[in-house]
Amino acid sequence: TRWITGMPVKDATGGFKCFRAEVLRKIDLKKIRSNGYAFQIEINYKAWKGGARIKEVPIIFIDRRSGVSKMSKNIMYEAAYMVWKLKIGSLF
């Protein structure tokens, strides 16, 4: 994601986020069409392109011990597609 978009974020799909209210007001949430991981990438990208400063705080992630992942091929494809869509869209 960072390589394609240029966004200065190491983990664009990290789910714990905090946004200033004025940053969210600049994003037209009605135009957001993605879900899951792609949603997180899209929101981060639009905030960054809107001039927001991004600060990442490292966390310790403990692997799942029970249950099943919700990750699917469709979710992965959507996220990969979203990255390119954002990049190409920013060129126009």
PDB file of N, CA and C in Angstrom:
ATOM      1  N   THR A   1       0.826  -1.202   0.000  1.00  0.00           N
ATOM      2  CA  THR A   1       0.000   0.000   0.000  1.00  0.00           C
ATOM      3  C   THR A   1       0.861   1.254   0.000  1.00  0.00           C
ATOM      4  N   ARG A   2       1.868   1.283   0.862  1.00  0.00           N
ATOM      5  CA  ARG A   2       2.747   2.454   0.950  1.00  0.00           C
ATOM      6  C   ARG A   2       3.491   2.670  -0.356  1.00  0.00           C
ATOM      7  N   TRP A   3       3.974   1.591  -0.966  1.00  0.00           N
ATOM      8  CA  TRP A   3       4.734   1.699  -2.198  1.00  0.00           C
ATOM      9  C   TRP A   3       3.875   2.235  -3.342  1.00  0.00           C
ATOM     10  N   ILE A   4       2.651   1.784  -3.452  1.00  0.00           N
ATOM     11  CA  ILE A   4       1.776   2.187  -4.558  1.00  0.00           C
ATOM     12  C   ILE A   4       1.218   3.590  -4.354  1.00  0.00           C
ATOM     13  N   THR A   5       0.720   3.882  -3.165  1.00  0.00           N
ATOM     14  CA  THR A   5       0.046   5.164  -2.925  1.00  0.00           C
ATOM     15  C   THR A   5       0.979   6.281  -2.493  1.00  0.00           C
ATOM     16  N   GLY A   6       2.126   5.924  -1.913  1.00  0.00           N
ATOM     17  CA  GLY A   6       3.013   6.944  -1.361  1.00  0.00           C
ATOM     18  C   GLY A   6       2.607   7.383   0.031  1.00  0.00           C
ATOM     19  N   MET A   7       1.550   6.797   0.540  1.00  0.00           N
ATOM     20  CA  MET A   7       1.044   7.152   1.861  1.00  0.00           C
ATOM     21  C   MET A   7       2.058   6.724   2.933  1.00  0.00           C
ATOM     22  N   PRO A   8       2.375   7.608   3.873  1.00  0.00           N
ATOM     23  CA  PRO A   8       3.400   7.288   4.871  1.00  0.00           C
ATOM     24  C   PRO A   8       2.877   6.461   6.041  1.00  0.00           C
ATOM     25  N   VAL A   9       2.288   5.320   5.717  1.00  0.00           N
ATOM     26  CA  VAL A   9       1.702   4.453   6.736  1.00  0.00           C
ATOM     27  C   VAL A   9       2.248   3.046   6.525  1.00  0.00           C
ATOM     28  N   LYS A  10       2.752   2.439   7.580  1.00  0.00           N
ATOM     29  CA  LYS A  10       3.284   1.080   7.480  1.00  0.00           C
ATOM     30  C   LYS A  10       2.179   0.039   7.555  1.00  0.00           C
ATOM     31  N   ASP A  11       1.131   0.310   8.332  1.00  0.00           N
ATOM     32  CA  ASP A  11       0.024  -0.633   8.475  1.00  0.00           C
ATOM     33  C   ASP A  11      -1.288   0.085   8.191  1.00  0.00           C
ATOM     34  N   ALA A  12      -1.647   0.141   6.921  1.00  0.00           N
ATOM     35  CA  ALA A  12      -2.857   0.870   6.512  1.00  0.00           C
ATOM     36  C   ALA A  12      -4.138   0.162   6.910  1.00  0.00           C
ATOM     37  N   THR A  13      -4.033  -1.087   7.335  1.00  0.00           N
ATOM     38  CA  THR A  13      -5.233  -1.824   7.726  1.00  0.00           C
ATOM     39  C   THR A  13      -5.324  -2.036   9.232  1.00  0.00           C
ATOM     40  N   GLY A  14      -4.438  -1.408   9.987  1.00  0.00           N
ATOM     41  CA  GLY A  14      -4.539  -1.487  11.444  1.00  0.00           C
ATOM     42  C   GLY A  14      -5.854  -0.870  11.877  1.00  0.00           C
ATOM     43  N   GLY A  15      -6.620  -1.575  12.662  1.00  0.00           N
ATOM     44  CA  GLY A  15      -7.988  -1.163  12.957  1.00  0.00           C
ATOM     45  C   GLY A  15      -8.176  -0.128  14.040  1.00  0.00           C
ATOM     46  N   PHE A  16      -7.181   0.156  14.861  1.00  0.00           N
ATOM     47  CA  PHE A  16      -7.344   1.114  15.953  1.00  0.00           C
ATOM     48  C   PHE A  16      -6.909   2.476  15.467  1.00  0.00           C
ATOM     49  N   LYS A  17      -7.867   3.393  15.332  1.00  0.00           N
ATOM     50  CA  LYS A  17      -7.577   4.704  14.755  1.00  0.00           C
ATOM     51  C   LYS A  17      -8.243   5.812  15.561  1.00  0.00           C
ATOM     52  N   CYS A  18      -7.653   6.974  15.468  1.00  0.00           N
ATOM     53  CA  CYS A  18      -8.212   8.169  16.071  1.00  0.00           C
ATOM     54  C   CYS A  18      -8.083   9.291  15.056  1.00  0.00           C
ATOM     55  N   PHE A  19      -9.176   9.945  14.746  1.00  0.00           N
ATOM     56  CA  PHE A  19      -9.172  11.041  13.776  1.00  0.00           C
ATOM     57  C   PHE A  19      -9.679  12.307  14.440  1.00  0.00           C
ATOM     58  N   ARG A  20      -9.117  13.422  14.063  1.00  0.00           N
ATOM     59  CA  ARG A  20      -9.673  14.706  14.476  1.00  0.00           C
ATOM     60  C   ARG A  20     -10.994  14.890  13.723  1.00  0.00           C
ATOM     61  N   ALA A  21     -11.957  15.513  14.380  1.00  0.00           N
ATOM     62  CA  ALA A  21     -13.277  15.707  13.775  1.00  0.00           C
ATOM     63  C   ALA A  21     -13.188  16.468  12.460  1.00  0.00           C
ATOM     64  N   GLU A  22     -12.304  17.479  12.386  1.00  0.00           N
ATOM     65  CA  GLU A  22     -12.209  18.269  11.149  1.00  0.00           C
ATOM     66  C   GLU A  22     -11.664  17.442   9.988  1.00  0.00           C
ATOM     67  N   VAL A  23     -10.853  16.431  10.283  1.00  0.00           N
ATOM     68  CA  VAL A  23     -10.350  15.542   9.228  1.00  0.00           C
ATOM     69  C   VAL A  23     -11.507  14.738   8.651  1.00  0.00           C
ATOM     70  N   LEU A  24     -12.345  14.189   9.512  1.00  0.00           N
ATOM     71  CA  LEU A  24     -13.488  13.398   9.040  1.00  0.00           C
ATOM     72  C   LEU A  24     -14.505  14.265   8.304  1.00  0.00           C
ATOM     73  N   ARG A  25     -14.650  15.511   8.702  1.00  0.00           N
ATOM     74  CA  ARG A  25     -15.589  16.410   8.011  1.00  0.00           C
ATOM     75  C   ARG A  25     -15.153  16.686   6.573  1.00  0.00           C
ATOM     76  N   LYS A  26     -13.854  16.611   6.308  1.00  0.00           N
ATOM     77  CA  LYS A  26     -13.335  16.848   4.958  1.00  0.00           C
ATOM     78  C   LYS A  26     -13.566  15.666   4.027  1.00  0.00           C
ATOM     79  N   ILE A  27     -13.800  14.492   4.593  1.00  0.00           N
ATOM     80  CA  ILE A  27     -13.988  13.282   3.790  1.00  0.00           C
ATOM     81  C   ILE A  27     -15.475  13.102   3.510  1.00  0.00           C
ATOM     82  N   ASP A  28     -15.816  12.953   2.234  1.00  0.00           N
ATOM     83  CA  ASP A  28     -17.207  12.706   1.867  1.00  0.00           C
ATOM     84  C   ASP A  28     -17.506  11.225   2.109  1.00  0.00           C
ATOM     85  N   LEU A  29     -18.019  10.929   3.296  1.00  0.00           N
ATOM     86  CA  LEU A  29     -18.242   9.537   3.693  1.00  0.00           C
ATOM     87  C   LEU A  29     -19.270   8.831   2.812  1.00  0.00           C
ATOM     88  N   LYS A  30     -20.135   9.591   2.145  1.00  0.00           N
ATOM     89  CA  LYS A  30     -21.131   8.990   1.257  1.00  0.00           C
ATOM     90  C   LYS A  30     -20.481   8.381   0.019  1.00  0.00           C
ATOM     91  N   LYS A  31     -19.256   8.808  -0.307  1.00  0.00           N
ATOM     92  CA  LYS A  31     -18.549   8.279  -1.478  1.00  0.00           C
ATOM     93  C   LYS A  31     -17.684   7.060  -1.146  1.00  0.00           C
ATOM     94  N   ILE A  32     -17.601   6.695   0.108  1.00  0.00           N
ATOM     95  CA  ILE A  32     -16.839   5.519   0.504  1.00  0.00           C
ATOM     96  C   ILE A  32     -17.648   4.276   0.147  1.00  0.00           C
ATOM     97  N   ARG A  33     -17.076   3.393  -0.650  1.00  0.00           N
ATOM     98  CA  ARG A  33     -17.796   2.206  -1.114  1.00  0.00           C
ATOM     99  C   ARG A  33     -17.172   0.899  -0.625  1.00  0.00           C
ATOM    100  N   SER A  34     -16.018   0.975  -0.043  1.00  0.00           N
ATOM    101  CA  SER A  34     -15.303  -0.242   0.339  1.00  0.00           C
ATOM    102  C   SER A  34     -15.686  -0.702   1.744  1.00  0.00           C
ATOM    103  N   ASN A  35     -15.299  -1.935   2.054  1.00  0.00           N
ATOM    104  CA  ASN A  35     -15.563  -2.542   3.357  1.00  0.00           C
ATOM    105  C   ASN A  35     -14.268  -3.127   3.907  1.00  0.00           C
ATOM    106  N   GLY A  36     -14.283  -3.505   5.169  1.00  0.00           N
ATOM    107  CA  GLY A  36     -13.176  -4.246   5.761  1.00  0.00           C
ATOM    108  C   GLY A  36     -11.832  -3.565   5.624  1.00  0.00           C
ATOM    109  N   TYR A  37     -10.842  -4.339   5.192  1.00  0.00           N
ATOM    110  CA  TYR A  37      -9.493  -3.818   5.068  1.00  0.00           C
ATOM    111  C   TYR A  37      -9.421  -2.679   4.054  1.00  0.00           C
ATOM    112  N   ALA A  38     -10.140  -2.810   2.954  1.00  0.00           N
ATOM    113  CA  ALA A  38     -10.132  -1.759   1.934  1.00  0.00           C
ATOM    114  C   ALA A  38     -10.708  -0.458   2.490  1.00  0.00           C
ATOM    115  N   PHE A  39     -11.706  -0.545   3.350  1.00  0.00           N
ATOM    116  CA  PHE A  39     -12.272   0.651   3.977  1.00  0.00           C
ATOM    117  C   PHE A  39     -11.199   1.390   4.768  1.00  0.00           C
ATOM    118  N   GLN A  40     -10.401   0.651   5.526  1.00  0.00           N
ATOM    119  CA  GLN A  40      -9.355   1.274   6.333  1.00  0.00           C
ATOM    120  C   GLN A  40      -8.307   1.949   5.454  1.00  0.00           C
ATOM    121  N   ILE A  41      -7.933   1.295   4.363  1.00  0.00           N
ATOM    122  CA  ILE A  41      -6.974   1.890   3.429  1.00  0.00           C
ATOM    123  C   ILE A  41      -7.549   3.167   2.831  1.00  0.00           C
ATOM    124  N   GLU A  42      -8.794   3.105   2.401  1.00  0.00           N
ATOM    125  CA  GLU A  42      -9.433   4.251   1.748  1.00  0.00           C
ATOM    126  C   GLU A  42      -9.548   5.453   2.704  1.00  0.00           C
ATOM    127  N   ILE A  43      -9.954   5.215   3.940  1.00  0.00           N
ATOM    128  CA  ILE A  43     -10.090   6.304   4.909  1.00  0.00           C
ATOM    129  C   ILE A  43      -8.727   6.917   5.219  1.00  0.00           C
ATOM    130  N   ASN A  44      -7.727   6.084   5.452  1.00  0.00           N
ATOM    131  CA  ASN A  44      -6.377   6.606   5.703  1.00  0.00           C
ATOM    132  C   ASN A  44      -5.887   7.446   4.534  1.00  0.00           C
ATOM    133  N   TYR A  45      -6.094   6.949   3.329  1.00  0.00           N
ATOM    134  CA  TYR A  45      -5.620   7.646   2.136  1.00  0.00           C
ATOM    135  C   TYR A  45      -6.312   8.989   1.968  1.00  0.00           C
ATOM    136  N   LYS A  46      -7.625   9.001   2.113  1.00  0.00           N
ATOM    137  CA  LYS A  46      -8.367  10.251   1.937  1.00  0.00           C
ATOM    138  C   LYS A  46      -8.014  11.267   3.029  1.00  0.00           C
ATOM    139  N   ALA A  47      -7.790  10.798   4.238  1.00  0.00           N
ATOM    140  CA  ALA A  47      -7.369  11.705   5.309  1.00  0.00           C
ATOM    141  C   ALA A  47      -5.999  12.287   4.990  1.00  0.00           C
ATOM    142  N   TRP A  48      -5.076  11.443   4.566  1.00  0.00           N
ATOM    143  CA  TRP A  48      -3.721  11.884   4.228  1.00  0.00           C
ATOM    144  C   TRP A  48      -3.731  12.852   3.052  1.00  0.00           C
ATOM    145  N   LYS A  49      -4.480  12.530   1.996  1.00  0.00           N
ATOM    146  CA  LYS A  49      -4.567  13.425   0.831  1.00  0.00           C
ATOM    147  C   LYS A  49      -5.249  14.736   1.190  1.00  0.00           C
ATOM    148  N   GLY A  50      -6.085  14.705   2.219  1.00  0.00           N
ATOM    149  CA  GLY A  50      -6.758  15.917   2.675  1.00  0.00           C
ATOM    150  C   GLY A  50      -5.881  16.783   3.580  1.00  0.00           C
ATOM    151  N   GLY A  51      -4.643  16.344   3.788  1.00  0.00           N
ATOM    152  CA  GLY A  51      -3.713  17.147   4.570  1.00  0.00           C
ATOM    153  C   GLY A  51      -3.541  16.723   6.019  1.00  0.00           C
ATOM    154  N   ALA A  52      -4.161  15.633   6.407  1.00  0.00           N
ATOM    155  CA  ALA A  52      -4.048  15.174   7.797  1.00  0.00           C
ATOM    156  C   ALA A  52      -2.654  14.619   8.064  1.00  0.00           C
ATOM    157  N   ARG A  53      -2.160  14.871   9.265  1.00  0.00           N
ATOM    158  CA  ARG A  53      -0.914  14.249   9.707  1.00  0.00           C
ATOM    159  C   ARG A  53      -1.259  12.865  10.234  1.00  0.00           C
ATOM    160  N   ILE A  54      -0.410  11.910   9.936  1.00  0.00           N
ATOM    161  CA  ILE A  54      -0.647  10.545  10.395  1.00  0.00           C
ATOM    162  C   ILE A  54       0.494  10.138  11.319  1.00  0.00           C
ATOM    163  N   LYS A  55       0.132   9.650  12.470  1.00  0.00           N
ATOM    164  CA  LYS A  55       1.101   9.171  13.464  1.00  0.00           C
ATOM    165  C   LYS A  55       0.730   7.748  13.810  1.00  0.00           C
ATOM    166  N   GLU A  56       1.657   6.834  13.615  1.00  0.00           N
ATOM    167  CA  GLU A  56       1.417   5.445  13.980  1.00  0.00           C
ATOM    168  C   GLU A  56       2.060   5.150  15.324  1.00  0.00           C
ATOM    169  N   VAL A  57       1.347   4.421  16.133  1.00  0.00           N
ATOM    170  CA  VAL A  57       1.850   4.003  17.435  1.00  0.00           C
ATOM    171  C   VAL A  57       1.919   2.477  17.405  1.00  0.00           C
ATOM    172  N   PRO A  58       3.113   1.903  17.568  1.00  0.00           N
ATOM    173  CA  PRO A  58       3.241   0.448  17.505  1.00  0.00           C
ATOM    174  C   PRO A  58       2.440  -0.246  18.609  1.00  0.00           C
ATOM    175  N   ILE A  59       1.911  -1.397  18.271  1.00  0.00           N
ATOM    176  CA  ILE A  59       1.199  -2.226  19.243  1.00  0.00           C
ATOM    177  C   ILE A  59       1.794  -3.629  19.205  1.00  0.00           C
ATOM    178  N   ILE A  60       1.496  -4.412  20.212  1.00  0.00           N
ATOM    179  CA  ILE A  60       1.871  -5.822  20.213  1.00  0.00           C
ATOM    180  C   ILE A  60       0.619  -6.614  19.889  1.00  0.00           C
ATOM    181  N   PHE A  61       0.677  -7.336  18.808  1.00  0.00           N
ATOM    182  CA  PHE A  61      -0.473  -8.118  18.360  1.00  0.00           C
ATOM    183  C   PHE A  61      -0.238  -9.574  18.709  1.00  0.00           C
ATOM    184  N   ILE A  62      -1.143 -10.149  19.464  1.00  0.00           N
ATOM    185  CA  ILE A  62      -1.036 -11.553  19.854  1.00  0.00           C
ATOM    186  C   ILE A  62      -1.886 -12.376  18.891  1.00  0.00           C
ATOM    187  N   ASP A  63      -1.274 -13.401  18.310  1.00  0.00           N
ATOM    188  CA  ASP A  63      -1.978 -14.253  17.359  1.00  0.00           C
ATOM    189  C   ASP A  63      -3.239 -14.866  17.975  1.00  0.00           C
ATOM    190  N   ARG A  64      -4.223 -15.057  17.121  1.00  0.00           N
ATOM    191  CA  ARG A  64      -5.496 -15.652  17.516  1.00  0.00           C
ATOM    192  C   ARG A  64      -5.269 -17.052  18.084  1.00  0.00           C
ATOM    193  N   ARG A  65      -5.914 -17.344  19.186  1.00  0.00           N
ATOM    194  CA  ARG A  65      -5.797 -18.670  19.802  1.00  0.00           C
ATOM    195  C   ARG A  65      -7.021 -19.537  19.544  1.00  0.00           C
ATOM    196  N   SER A  66      -8.124 -18.911  19.205  1.00  0.00           N
ATOM    197  CA  SER A  66      -9.328 -19.678  18.894  1.00  0.00           C
ATOM    198  C   SER A  66     -10.170 -18.886  17.907  1.00  0.00           C
ATOM    199  N   GLY A  67     -11.171 -19.515  17.352  1.00  0.00           N
ATOM    200  CA  GLY A  67     -12.025 -18.855  16.373  1.00  0.00           C
ATOM    201  C   GLY A  67     -11.435 -18.961  14.982  1.00  0.00           C
ATOM    202  N   VAL A  68     -12.089 -18.303  14.057  1.00  0.00           N
ATOM    203  CA  VAL A  68     -11.638 -18.340  12.665  1.00  0.00           C
ATOM    204  C   VAL A  68     -11.537 -16.932  12.102  1.00  0.00           C
ATOM    205  N   SER A  69     -10.667 -16.768  11.158  1.00  0.00           N
ATOM    206  CA  SER A  69     -10.480 -15.480  10.503  1.00  0.00           C
ATOM    207  C   SER A  69     -11.644 -15.174   9.576  1.00  0.00           C
ATOM    208  N   LYS A  70     -11.957 -13.902   9.430  1.00  0.00           N
ATOM    209  CA  LYS A  70     -12.981 -13.474   8.486  1.00  0.00           C
ATOM    210  C   LYS A  70     -12.364 -13.125   7.133  1.00  0.00           C
ATOM    211  N   MET A  71     -11.038 -13.253   7.039  1.00  0.00           N
ATOM    212  CA  MET A  71     -10.322 -12.930   5.811  1.00  0.00           C
ATOM    213  C   MET A  71     -10.728 -13.912   4.711  1.00  0.00           C
ATOM    214  N   SER A  72     -11.007 -13.364   3.542  1.00  0.00           N
ATOM    215  CA  SER A  72     -11.356 -14.194   2.397  1.00  0.00           C
ATOM    216  C   SER A  72     -10.618 -13.661   1.178  1.00  0.00           C
ATOM    217  N   LYS A  73     -10.656 -14.417   0.106  1.00  0.00           N
ATOM    218  CA  LYS A  73     -10.030 -13.958  -1.141  1.00  0.00           C
ATOM    219  C   LYS A  73     -10.680 -12.675  -1.621  1.00  0.00           C
ATOM    220  N   ASN A  74     -11.996 -12.576  -1.476  1.00  0.00           N
ATOM    221  CA  ASN A  74     -12.700 -11.368  -1.919  1.00  0.00           C
ATOM    222  C   ASN A  74     -12.228 -10.139  -1.153  1.00  0.00           C
ATOM    223  N   ILE A  75     -12.000 -10.279   0.141  1.00  0.00           N
ATOM    224  CA  ILE A  75     -11.512  -9.164   0.961  1.00  0.00           C
ATOM    225  C   ILE A  75     -10.117  -8.765   0.505  1.00  0.00           C
ATOM    226  N   MET A  76      -9.273  -9.738   0.225  1.00  0.00           N
ATOM    227  CA  MET A  76      -7.914  -9.432  -0.245  1.00  0.00           C
ATOM    228  C   MET A  76      -7.948  -8.755  -1.615  1.00  0.00           C
ATOM    229  N   TYR A  77      -8.784  -9.261  -2.516  1.00  0.00           N
ATOM    230  CA  TYR A  77      -8.898  -8.658  -3.843  1.00  0.00           C
ATOM    231  C   TYR A  77      -9.414  -7.231  -3.755  1.00  0.00           C
ATOM    232  N   GLU A  78     -10.401  -7.008  -2.898  1.00  0.00           N
ATOM    233  CA  GLU A  78     -10.957  -5.665  -2.745  1.00  0.00           C
ATOM    234  C   GLU A  78      -9.884  -4.692  -2.250  1.00  0.00           C
ATOM    235  N   ALA A  79      -9.090  -5.112  -1.296  1.00  0.00           N
ATOM    236  CA  ALA A  79      -8.032  -4.248  -0.760  1.00  0.00           C
ATOM    237  C   ALA A  79      -6.982  -3.957  -1.824  1.00  0.00           C
ATOM    238  N   ALA A  80      -6.565  -4.967  -2.577  1.00  0.00           N
ATOM    239  CA  ALA A  80      -5.573  -4.753  -3.636  1.00  0.00           C
ATOM    240  C   ALA A  80      -6.130  -3.834  -4.718  1.00  0.00           C
ATOM    241  N   TYR A  81      -7.373  -4.034  -5.093  1.00  0.00           N
ATOM    242  CA  TYR A  81      -8.024  -3.184  -6.087  1.00  0.00           C
ATOM    243  C   TYR A  81      -8.121  -1.742  -5.585  1.00  0.00           C
ATOM    244  N   MET A  82      -8.462  -1.560  -4.313  1.00  0.00           N
ATOM    245  CA  MET A  82      -8.629  -0.234  -3.741  1.00  0.00           C
ATOM    246  C   MET A  82      -7.333   0.573  -3.799  1.00  0.00           C
ATOM    247  N   VAL A  83      -6.223  -0.080  -3.515  1.00  0.00           N
ATOM    248  CA  VAL A  83      -4.936   0.619  -3.531  1.00  0.00           C
ATOM    249  C   VAL A  83      -4.674   1.209  -4.911  1.00  0.00           C
ATOM    250  N   TRP A  84      -4.865   0.408  -5.943  1.00  0.00           N
ATOM    251  CA  TRP A  84      -4.652   0.899  -7.308  1.00  0.00           C
ATOM    252  C   TRP A  84      -5.691   1.937  -7.711  1.00  0.00           C
ATOM    253  N   LYS A  85      -6.913   1.750  -7.299  1.00  0.00           N
ATOM    254  CA  LYS A  85      -7.978   2.719  -7.601  1.00  0.00           C
ATOM    255  C   LYS A  85      -7.653   4.082  -7.007  1.00  0.00           C
ATOM    256  N   LEU A  86      -7.162   4.102  -5.774  1.00  0.00           N
ATOM    257  CA  LEU A  86      -6.794   5.363  -5.129  1.00  0.00           C
ATOM    258  C   LEU A  86      -5.626   6.018  -5.850  1.00  0.00           C
ATOM    259  N   LYS A  87      -4.629   5.235  -6.210  1.00  0.00           N
ATOM    260  CA  LYS A  87      -3.457   5.766  -6.904  1.00  0.00           C
ATOM    261  C   LYS A  87      -3.842   6.359  -8.245  1.00  0.00           C
ATOM    262  N   ILE A  88      -4.574   5.604  -9.045  1.00  0.00           N
ATOM    263  CA  ILE A  88      -4.968   6.068 -10.371  1.00  0.00           C
ATOM    264  C   ILE A  88      -5.890   7.269 -10.273  1.00  0.00           C
ATOM    265  N   GLY A  89      -6.821   7.227  -9.313  1.00  0.00           N
ATOM    266  CA  GLY A  89      -7.735   8.351  -9.108  1.00  0.00           C
ATOM    267  C   GLY A  89      -7.012   9.630  -8.722  1.00  0.00           C
ATOM    268  N   SER A  90      -5.901   9.511  -8.022  1.00  0.00           N
ATOM    269  CA  SER A  90      -5.166  10.699  -7.606  1.00  0.00           C
ATOM    270  C   SER A  90      -4.411  11.351  -8.754  1.00  0.00           C
ATOM    271  N   LEU A  91      -4.243  10.620  -9.850  1.00  0.00           N
ATOM    272  CA  LEU A  91      -3.535  11.171 -11.008  1.00  0.00           C
ATOM    273  C   LEU A  91      -4.414  12.105 -11.825  1.00  0.00           C
ATOM    274  N   PHE A  92      -5.733  12.013 -11.623  1.00  0.00           N
ATOM    275  CA  PHE A  92      -6.662  12.829 -12.412  1.00  0.00           C
ATOM    276  C   PHE A  92      -7.283  13.908 -11.606  1.00  0.00           C
TER     277      PHE A  92
END
